[in-house]
Amino acid sequence: MKGAVNQGIVLQVVQAYQAVLYAQRQADIAQHAEETAKALLRDAQAHVKAGLAVDSDLLAAQVNLAERQ
């Protein structure tokens, strides 16, 4: 019985550790997505300023960034 309890505790610890790793990876992905959205917004702003894009492109980049913040 004691061995089964110990195995259960080990399993819970391993699962908790995996959950932490998963959460950290998800946070990294979200941060990268936000950085990418910021870069796309800067590009859209530059393109609109240069006359190479329309305001709706800028708005789409702004929405994209807002969704990732």
Protein backbone atom coordinates (compact mmCIF):
# COMPACT_ATOMS: atom_id res chain seq x y z
CA MET A 1 0.00 0.00 0.00
CA LYS A 2 2.80 2.41 0.90
CA GLY A 3 4.47 1.81 -2.47
CA ALA A 4 1.25 2.63 -4.30
CA VAL A 5 0.90 5.87 -2.34
CA ASN A 6 4.49 6.82 -3.17
CA GLN A 7 3.92 6.04 -6.85
CA GLY A 8 0.80 8.19 -6.79
CA ILE A 9 2.73 11.08 -5.31
CA VAL A 10 5.51 10.69 -7.87
CA LEU A 11 2.94 10.66 -10.65
CA GLN A 12 1.34 13.86 -9.33
CA VAL A 13 4.72 15.58 -9.11
CA VAL A 14 5.64 14.55 -12.66
CA GLN A 15 2.28 15.73 -13.98
CA ALA A 16 2.61 19.05 -12.16
CA TYR A 17 6.12 19.53 -13.55
CA GLN A 18 4.90 18.78 -17.07
CA ALA A 19 2.08 21.28 -16.61
CA VAL A 20 4.60 23.95 -15.58
CA LEU A 21 6.77 23.21 -18.63
CA TYR A 22 3.72 23.38 -20.88
CA ALA A 23 2.62 26.70 -19.36
CA GLN A 24 6.11 28.16 -19.79
CA ARG A 25 6.16 27.09 -23.45
CA GLN A 26 2.73 28.61 -24.02
CA ALA A 27 3.93 31.87 -22.46
CA ASP A 28 6.99 31.87 -24.75
CA ILE A 29 4.77 31.30 -27.78
CA ALA A 30 2.43 34.11 -26.75
CA GLN A 31 5.34 36.50 -26.24
CA HIS A 32 6.78 35.63 -29.65
CA ALA A 33 3.37 36.14 -31.28
CA GLU A 34 3.09 39.58 -29.67
CA GLU A 35 6.58 40.57 -30.82
CA THR A 36 5.74 39.42 -34.34
CA ALA A 37 2.48 41.39 -34.29
CA LYS A 38 4.36 44.52 -33.18
CA ALA A 39 6.81 44.11 -36.06
CA LEU A 40 3.95 43.65 -38.52
CA LEU A 41 2.31 46.80 -37.18
CA ARG A 42 5.53 48.78 -37.65
CA ASP A 43 5.77 47.47 -41.21
CA ALA A 44 2.14 48.35 -41.92
CA GLN A 45 2.66 51.86 -40.56
CA ALA A 46 5.70 52.34 -42.76
CA HIS A 47 3.88 51.00 -45.81
CA VAL A 48 0.89 53.29 -45.25
CA LYS A 49 3.21 56.26 -44.77
CA ALA A 50 4.99 55.38 -48.02
CA GLY A 51 1.70 54.94 -49.87
CA LEU A 52 2.27 51.23 -50.38
CA ALA A 53 -0.65 50.09 -48.24
CA VAL A 54 -4.10 51.31 -47.31
CA ASP A 55 -5.49 52.21 -43.90
CA SER A 56 -7.36 48.92 -43.67
CA ASP A 57 -4.01 47.11 -43.71
CA LEU A 58 -2.92 49.22 -40.77
CA LEU A 59 -6.17 48.52 -38.96
CA ALA A 60 -5.74 44.79 -39.51
CA ALA A 61 -2.24 44.95 -38.01
CA GLN A 62 -3.58 46.90 -35.03
CA VAL A 63 -6.31 44.33 -34.43
CA ASN A 64 -3.79 41.52 -34.79
CA LEU A 65 -1.62 43.10 -32.10
CA ALA A 66 -4.57 43.79 -29.80
CA GLU A 67 -5.58 40.13 -29.99
CA ARG A 68 -2.14 39.12 -28.77
CA GLN A 69 -1.89 41.52 -25.84
